Protein backbone atom coordinates (compact mmCIF):
# COMPACT_ATOMS: atom_id res chain seq x y z
CA MET A 1 -12.42 -24.55 51.58
CA ALA A 2 -9.77 -25.62 54.27
CA THR A 3 -7.22 -23.76 52.28
CA LEU A 4 -9.13 -20.59 51.74
CA ALA A 5 -10.05 -20.26 55.12
CA LEU A 6 -6.09 -20.61 56.05
CA GLN A 7 -5.28 -17.73 53.71
CA ASN A 8 -7.77 -15.71 55.52
CA ARG A 9 -6.73 -16.59 58.96
CA ILE A 10 -3.01 -15.30 57.95
CA LEU A 11 -4.03 -12.41 56.27
CA SER A 12 -6.40 -11.17 58.85
CA PHE A 13 -3.79 -11.99 61.56
CA TRP A 14 -0.73 -10.53 59.65
CA PHE A 15 -2.35 -7.45 58.63
CA HIS A 16 -4.93 -6.32 61.09
CA ASN A 17 -4.01 -8.57 64.25
CA THR A 18 -7.37 -10.69 64.30
CA LEU A 19 -7.94 -14.02 63.28
CA GLY A 20 -11.20 -12.65 61.52
CA THR A 21 -12.16 -10.02 59.00
CA VAL A 22 -9.33 -9.63 56.37
CA PRO A 23 -8.84 -6.26 56.16
CA ALA A 24 -9.75 -4.25 53.16
CA GLY A 25 -6.75 -2.09 51.39
CA SER A 26 -7.45 1.08 53.06
CA GLN A 27 -7.17 -0.81 56.36
CA LEU A 28 -3.60 -2.11 56.00
CA ALA A 29 -1.37 -0.46 58.19
CA PHE A 30 2.42 -1.10 59.25
CA ARG A 31 2.97 -3.00 62.49
CA LYS A 32 5.93 -2.90 64.16
CA GLU A 33 5.81 -6.23 65.34
CA TRP A 34 6.39 -7.63 61.79
CA PHE A 35 10.41 -6.63 62.13
CA MET A 36 10.70 -6.48 66.23
CA ARG A 37 11.00 -9.43 68.64
CA SER A 38 7.73 -9.76 70.11
CA ASP A 39 7.18 -12.85 72.40
CA GLU A 40 3.80 -12.53 72.70
CA MET A 41 3.50 -12.76 68.51
CA ASP A 42 5.57 -15.57 68.89
CA GLN A 43 3.51 -17.39 70.87
CA THR A 44 0.15 -16.69 68.87
CA ILE A 45 1.65 -17.73 65.65
CA ILE A 46 2.87 -21.11 67.26
CA ALA A 47 -0.82 -21.56 68.72
CA ASN A 48 -2.45 -21.00 65.63
CA PHE A 49 -0.18 -21.59 62.92
CA LYS A 50 2.49 -23.88 63.44
CA ALA A 51 0.70 -26.91 62.14
CA PRO A 52 0.26 -25.81 58.78
CA LEU A 53 3.43 -23.98 58.57
CA ASP A 54 4.73 -27.87 58.93
CA GLU A 55 2.64 -29.40 56.99
CA ALA A 56 3.62 -26.82 53.93
CA ILE A 57 7.19 -27.40 54.62
CA GLN A 58 7.37 -31.03 55.02
CA GLU A 59 4.23 -31.88 52.55
CA ASP A 60 3.70 -28.94 50.24
CA LYS A 61 0.29 -29.09 51.91
CA HIS A 62 -1.94 -25.90 50.86
CA ILE A 63 0.89 -24.72 48.63
CA ALA A 64 -0.91 -25.52 45.28
CA GLU A 65 -4.50 -24.37 46.02
CA LEU A 66 -2.80 -20.83 47.73
CA LYS A 67 -0.59 -20.03 44.66
CA GLN A 68 -3.77 -19.75 42.32
CA THR A 69 -4.37 -16.11 43.17
CA PRO A 70 -2.61 -13.24 44.35
CA GLN A 71 -4.36 -13.00 47.85
CA GLY A 72 -3.48 -16.73 48.30
CA LEU A 73 0.12 -16.62 47.20
CA LEU A 74 0.65 -13.66 49.37
CA ALA A 75 -0.52 -15.78 52.36
CA ALA A 76 1.66 -18.75 51.45
CA ILE A 77 4.90 -16.57 51.42
CA ILE A 78 4.12 -15.00 54.77
CA LEU A 79 3.25 -18.84 56.01
CA LEU A 80 6.98 -20.07 54.55
CA ASP A 81 8.73 -16.72 55.08
CA GLN A 82 7.75 -15.37 58.22
CA PHE A 83 6.20 -17.47 60.39
CA PRO A 84 9.22 -19.90 60.58
CA ARG A 85 11.23 -17.19 61.82
CA ASN A 86 8.55 -16.54 64.82
CA VAL A 87 7.81 -20.27 65.41
CA TYR A 88 11.34 -21.63 65.24
CA ARG A 89 12.97 -18.17 66.36
CA GLY A 90 16.91 -19.01 67.26
CA THR A 91 17.17 -22.50 65.40
CA PRO A 92 18.22 -23.59 61.99
CA GLN A 93 14.36 -24.18 61.42
CA ALA A 94 13.92 -20.45 61.22
CA PHE A 95 15.21 -20.97 57.79
CA SER A 96 13.29 -23.77 56.80
CA GLY A 97 10.54 -22.18 54.33
CA ASP A 98 12.88 -19.91 52.80
CA ALA A 99 13.85 -22.12 49.62
CA LYS A 100 10.02 -22.51 49.39
CA ALA A 101 8.98 -19.10 49.73
CA LEU A 102 11.54 -17.62 47.35
CA SER A 103 10.50 -20.32 44.61
CA LEU A 104 6.97 -18.70 45.17
CA THR A 105 8.13 -15.26 45.04
CA ARG A 106 9.76 -15.97 41.75
CA TYR A 107 6.34 -17.23 40.36
CA ALA A 108 4.41 -14.00 41.55
CA MET A 109 6.98 -12.06 39.76
CA ALA A 110 6.90 -14.36 36.26
CA GLU A 111 2.91 -14.51 36.42
CA LYS A 112 2.63 -10.74 37.17
CA LEU A 113 0.67 -11.46 40.39
CA ASP A 114 2.91 -9.20 42.68
CA VAL A 115 1.41 -6.20 41.34
CA LYS A 116 -2.12 -6.98 41.75
CA LEU A 117 -1.51 -6.59 45.29
CA HIS A 118 -1.07 -3.31 47.63
CA ALA A 119 2.11 -1.98 47.98
CA ILE A 120 2.03 -2.95 51.91
CA GLU A 121 1.47 -6.59 50.61
CA ARG A 122 3.99 -6.69 47.97
CA LEU A 123 6.31 -5.62 50.69
CA PHE A 124 6.00 -9.25 51.84
CA VAL A 125 6.21 -10.56 48.34
CA TYR A 126 9.56 -9.74 47.99
CA LEU A 127 11.26 -10.22 51.39
CA PRO A 128 12.42 -13.66 50.50
CA LEU A 129 14.84 -12.04 47.91
CA GLU A 130 16.25 -10.11 50.88
CA HIS A 131 16.47 -13.18 52.88
CA SER A 132 18.64 -15.05 50.33
CA GLU A 133 22.44 -15.31 50.54
CA LYS A 134 22.56 -15.37 46.89
CA ARG A 135 24.00 -11.72 45.45
CA GLU A 136 21.69 -11.94 42.55
CA ASP A 137 18.38 -12.33 44.64
CA GLN A 138 19.65 -9.50 46.79
CA ASP A 139 19.94 -7.33 43.62
CA LYS A 140 16.60 -8.36 42.68
CA ALA A 141 15.18 -7.11 46.10
CA VAL A 142 16.62 -3.82 45.65
CA GLU A 143 15.21 -3.37 42.31
CA GLN A 144 11.68 -4.39 43.35
CA PHE A 145 11.81 -2.17 46.73
CA GLU A 146 12.94 0.33 44.26
CA GLN A 147 10.12 0.12 42.32
CA LEU A 148 7.87 -0.27 45.38
CA LYS A 149 9.08 3.58 46.33
CA LYS A 150 8.70 4.58 42.78
CA ASP A 151 4.93 3.41 43.13
CA THR A 152 4.43 4.83 46.57
CA PRO A 153 6.62 8.13 46.37
CA GLU A 154 4.65 9.73 49.57
CA ASP A 155 4.77 6.67 51.93
CA PRO A 156 7.69 6.93 54.12
CA ILE A 157 7.72 3.35 54.73
CA MET A 158 8.77 2.77 51.60
CA ASP A 159 12.12 4.80 52.07
CA LEU A 160 12.59 2.48 55.09
CA THR A 161 11.98 -1.15 53.36
CA LEU A 162 14.38 0.24 50.55
CA LYS A 163 17.01 1.07 52.95
CA TYR A 164 16.77 -2.35 54.80
CA ALA A 165 17.10 -4.05 51.17
CA VAL A 166 20.18 -1.86 50.18
CA ASP A 167 21.63 -2.93 53.82
CA HIS A 168 20.93 -6.37 53.30
CA ARG A 169 22.45 -6.38 49.93
CA ASP A 170 25.59 -4.93 51.30
CA VAL A 171 26.38 -7.26 53.80
CA ILE A 172 25.79 -9.98 51.34
CA ALA A 173 28.09 -8.34 48.65
CA LYS A 174 30.93 -7.80 51.53
CA PHE A 175 30.45 -11.36 53.16
CA GLY A 176 28.64 -13.93 50.72
CA ARG A 177 26.39 -14.52 53.76
CA PHE A 178 24.53 -13.24 56.83
CA PRO A 179 27.28 -13.71 59.30
CA HIS A 180 24.30 -13.67 62.29
CA ARG A 181 23.10 -16.68 61.00
CA ASN A 182 26.75 -18.51 61.52
CA ALA A 183 26.22 -19.71 65.15
CA ILE A 184 22.81 -20.47 64.49
CA LEU A 185 23.85 -22.82 61.35
CA GLY A 186 26.56 -24.00 62.90
CA ARG A 187 28.85 -22.11 60.37
CA THR A 188 32.21 -21.04 61.60
CA SER A 189 32.76 -16.77 61.31
CA THR A 190 35.60 -14.89 60.14
CA ASP A 191 37.72 -12.80 61.92
CA GLU A 192 36.12 -9.95 59.91
CA GLU A 193 32.48 -11.45 60.45
CA LEU A 194 33.21 -11.49 64.11
CA ARG A 195 34.18 -7.72 64.29
CA TYR A 196 31.05 -7.02 62.24
CA LEU A 197 28.75 -8.55 64.81
CA ALA A 198 30.82 -7.38 67.85
CA ASP A 199 30.20 -4.12 66.16
CA GLY A 200 26.33 -4.95 66.21
CA GLY A 201 26.13 -5.66 62.58
CA GLY A 202 22.65 -7.56 62.31
CA PHE A 203 20.41 -9.22 59.43
């Protein structure tokens, strides 16, 4: 029961900016806060989700129960992939849930649970692929976002998400990693990476 309550809290917050009712498919809408830094959003996520996030990362708590349904799996992926970037912004811990989230993404695709979700929800199922520094994951991300675009040809958001997927893949193809993570992770940047960062390169 507690896990179902957590699932509903995650989804209602993420997709509808509330901690109440989970939005229906027709109410799902793009939120700029998903991809733009917001100190207010960071603080809200810290206050409401830091404890279950840490439990999920350190103890795998909640994950086995959440992954039993498409909606639960979506909530688990958001918890592990998105929330660390808010809670631990600018630190190595921002990426601490990536491996677990990526494993859940692969599970979702293998079990075809992803296709039971709305397009805007599937976006977040596939983002762990885009966050990976492995070329094969980046190729798979582009493939999945191409399919999303085909499934929703009149949705301009899917054009944008496909562009971002291609851009992420291009960075990994060129550098083999995301240069903007180097300073956070204590990695030494190459001269080429430093030029890329100086020119405003991101991700």
